[in-house]
Protein backbone atom coordinates (compact mmCIF):
# COMPACT_ATOMS: atom_id res chain seq x y z
CA MET A 1 -8.45 56.48 13.42
CA SER A 2 -9.27 53.39 11.67
CA GLU A 3 -8.30 50.44 13.61
CA GLU A 4 -7.15 47.49 11.63
CA ARG A 5 -6.70 44.45 13.65
CA PRO A 6 -3.87 42.20 12.63
CA THR A 7 -5.12 38.83 11.56
CA SER A 8 -4.48 36.07 13.98
CA ASP A 9 -2.56 32.95 13.11
CA ALA A 10 -5.77 30.97 13.04
CA ALA A 11 -7.30 33.38 10.54
CA GLN A 12 -4.19 33.18 8.34
CA GLU A 13 -4.28 29.40 8.41
CA GLU A 14 -7.97 29.43 7.55
CA ALA A 15 -7.30 31.69 4.56
CA ALA A 16 -4.49 29.40 3.40
CA ASP A 17 -6.79 26.36 3.71
CA GLU A 18 -9.44 28.11 1.62
CA ALA A 19 -6.84 28.91 -1.05
CA ARG A 20 -5.70 25.27 -1.12
CA ALA A 21 -9.28 24.07 -1.38
CA ALA A 22 -9.94 26.44 -4.27
CA ARG A 23 -7.23 24.91 -6.50
CA PRO A 24 -7.40 21.24 -7.34
CA ALA A 25 -4.85 19.07 -5.59
CA ASP A 26 -2.56 16.95 -7.70
CA PRO A 27 -2.57 13.46 -6.16
CA ASP A 28 0.73 12.63 -7.86
CA ALA A 29 2.50 15.95 -7.26
CA TRP A 30 5.55 14.26 -5.76
CA ALA A 31 5.81 11.75 -8.62
CA THR A 32 5.36 14.53 -11.17
CA ALA A 33 8.07 16.65 -9.55
CA CYS A 34 10.43 13.67 -9.45
CA GLU A 35 9.80 12.91 -13.13
CA GLU A 36 10.47 16.53 -14.05
CA ASP A 37 13.71 16.54 -12.06
CA LEU A 38 14.80 13.26 -13.63
CA GLU A 39 14.11 14.54 -17.15
CA ALA A 40 16.01 17.75 -16.41
CA GLU A 41 18.99 15.74 -15.10
CA LYS A 42 18.94 13.46 -18.16
CA ALA A 43 18.88 16.49 -20.46
CA ARG A 44 21.79 18.05 -18.58
CA ARG A 45 23.84 14.83 -18.84
CA ARG A 46 23.05 14.45 -22.56
CA ALA A 47 24.22 18.03 -23.10
CA GLN A 48 27.39 17.48 -21.07
CA TYR A 49 28.37 13.92 -22.07
CA GLY A 50 26.46 13.24 -25.29
CA PRO A 51 23.92 10.49 -25.82
CA PRO A 52 24.09 7.50 -23.46
CA PRO A 53 25.37 4.21 -24.87
CA GLY A 54 22.75 1.90 -26.29
CA SER A 55 22.22 -1.73 -25.59
CA ALA A 56 25.00 -4.21 -26.18
CA ALA A 57 23.38 -5.24 -29.47
CA GLU A 58 23.34 -1.63 -30.71
CA GLU A 59 26.95 -1.18 -29.67
CA LEU A 60 27.91 -4.36 -31.56
CA ARG A 61 26.18 -3.01 -34.67
CA LYS A 62 28.13 0.24 -34.33
CA LEU A 63 31.36 -1.74 -33.95
CA VAL A 64 30.64 -3.81 -37.06
CA ASP A 65 29.84 -0.64 -39.01
CA ALA A 66 33.03 1.06 -37.84
CA VAL A 67 35.19 -1.96 -38.72
CA THR A 68 33.48 -2.23 -42.10
CA ASP A 69 34.15 1.43 -42.85
CA LYS A 70 37.80 1.17 -41.81
CA LEU A 71 38.41 -2.00 -43.81
CA SER A 72 36.73 -0.65 -46.91
CA ALA A 73 38.78 2.56 -46.69
CA LEU A 74 42.02 0.67 -46.13
CA GLN A 75 44.33 0.62 -49.12
CA SER A 76 47.02 -2.00 -48.79
CA PRO A 77 50.43 -0.85 -50.04
CA LEU A 78 51.77 -4.39 -49.61
CA PHE A 79 50.04 -5.79 -52.68
CA GLY A 80 50.87 -3.01 -55.09
CA ALA A 81 48.52 -1.17 -57.42
CA ALA A 82 47.56 -4.18 -59.54
CA ALA A 83 46.70 -6.51 -56.69
CA SER A 84 45.06 -3.90 -54.46
CA GLY A 85 41.78 -4.04 -56.41
CA ALA A 86 41.51 -7.80 -55.96
CA ALA A 87 42.48 -7.54 -52.28
CA GLN A 88 39.87 -4.84 -51.77
CA GLN A 89 37.20 -7.08 -53.30
CA VAL A 90 38.19 -9.94 -51.01
CA VAL A 91 38.03 -7.65 -47.96
CA ASN A 92 34.60 -6.35 -49.00
CA GLN A 93 33.32 -9.90 -49.51
CA VAL A 94 34.56 -11.01 -46.08
CA VAL A 95 32.97 -7.96 -44.46
CA ARG A 96 29.64 -8.63 -46.19
CA GLN A 97 29.70 -12.27 -45.07
CA ALA A 98 30.52 -11.33 -41.49
CA ARG A 99 27.76 -8.74 -41.44
CA ALA A 100 25.29 -11.25 -42.94
CA ALA A 101 26.17 -13.70 -40.17
CA VAL A 102 26.02 -11.17 -37.31
CA GLU A 103 22.92 -9.13 -38.20
CA PRO A 104 20.33 -11.96 -37.90
CA VAL A 105 21.76 -13.00 -34.53
CA ILE A 106 21.58 -9.44 -33.25
CA GLU A 107 18.01 -9.00 -34.45
CA ARG A 108 16.75 -12.32 -33.07
CA ASN A 109 18.44 -12.11 -29.67
CA PRO A 110 19.39 -8.57 -28.67
CA GLN A 111 19.03 -9.37 -24.96
CA VAL A 112 21.67 -12.10 -25.25
CA PHE A 113 24.32 -9.46 -25.83
CA ASP A 114 23.20 -7.58 -22.70
CA HIS A 115 23.55 -10.81 -20.69
CA LEU A 116 26.96 -11.50 -22.22
CA ALA A 117 28.11 -7.97 -21.36
CA ALA A 118 26.91 -8.40 -17.76
CA ALA A 119 28.63 -11.79 -17.49
CA GLY A 120 31.83 -10.28 -18.85
CA SER A 121 31.68 -7.53 -16.23
CA GLU A 122 31.23 -10.11 -13.48
CA LEU A 123 34.15 -12.16 -14.77
CA LEU A 124 36.30 -9.05 -14.87
CA ALA A 125 35.36 -8.20 -11.27
CA ALA A 126 36.22 -11.75 -10.13
CA TYR A 127 39.56 -11.65 -11.96
CA ARG A 128 40.37 -8.23 -10.51
CA SER A 129 39.60 -9.48 -7.00
CA ALA A 130 41.83 -12.53 -7.44
CA VAL A 131 44.69 -10.42 -8.78
CA GLU A 132 44.38 -7.88 -5.96
CA ASN A 133 44.48 -10.66 -3.36
CA GLN A 134 47.55 -12.18 -4.96
CA GLU A 135 49.26 -8.78 -5.20
CA ARG A 136 48.53 -8.17 -1.54
CA ARG A 137 50.22 -11.47 -0.65
CA TRP A 138 53.20 -10.62 -2.84
CA THR A 139 53.66 -7.17 -1.36
CA GLN A 140 53.32 -8.45 2.19
CA GLY A 141 55.92 -11.14 1.50
CA GLY A 142 53.70 -14.04 2.47
CA THR A 143 51.98 -16.81 0.60
CA ALA A 144 48.67 -18.52 1.01
CA ARG A 145 50.41 -21.34 2.91
CA ASP A 146 51.92 -18.83 5.33
CA GLU A 147 48.49 -17.31 5.96
CA ASP A 148 46.96 -20.75 6.56
CA ARG A 149 49.79 -21.67 8.94
CA ASP A 150 49.34 -18.39 10.84
CA ARG A 151 45.59 -18.91 11.05
CA ARG A 152 46.06 -22.42 12.50
CA ARG A 153 48.67 -21.13 14.95
CA ASP A 154 46.35 -18.33 16.11
CA GLY A 155 43.57 -20.75 16.89
CA GLY A 156 41.60 -20.46 13.67
CA ARG A 157 40.96 -16.72 13.79
CA ASP A 158 40.11 -15.13 10.47
CA GLY A 159 42.52 -12.34 11.16
CA ASP A 160 39.87 -9.76 11.99
CA ASP A 161 41.87 -8.69 15.05
CA ASP A 162 45.09 -8.60 13.07
CA PRO A 163 46.52 -5.06 13.25
CA GLY A 164 48.03 -5.27 9.76
CA PRO A 165 51.17 -6.36 7.97
CA GLY A 166 53.60 -4.97 10.57
CA GLU A 167 55.50 -7.04 13.09
CA ARG A 168 54.40 -7.35 16.71
CA ILE A 169 56.95 -5.74 18.97
CA ASP A 170 57.19 -7.01 22.54
CA VAL A 171 58.11 -4.15 24.86
CA ASP A 172 58.59 -6.18 28.05
């Protein structure tokens, strides 16, 4: 009978340590794994949703190109066959002038369009907040003056303890 002794936990750990020491350790293994996961997620999103939108300057260029294409393809039935050629030339000239004015601005200051887009988003959020507050007042039947009067009457509370828009019912 050959007796094989099962290896102890300490011996197994020692063998695992030797195996780890034999292969070189990657000091940035976590960063590498995160980068690989991020790239895989980006590839999955590109496959599912298409390419991500570019900067605001690139999107403005695309818009100018799309408008140019639509205007140049537009045939105006209002002017008739004789005048449509002249109208088409005028449209093409206006488009060329607009493009000549926009392109240098885009190329010199592409980051300006990103800032303008961010500012527009912030303005939209502020407007949405103001409208929602006003709608809330309208649906609750009160006005800003009513809220101020109630706040003064309640001793200046902000209304944090206010249970909501319902009426207080006294059960005594």
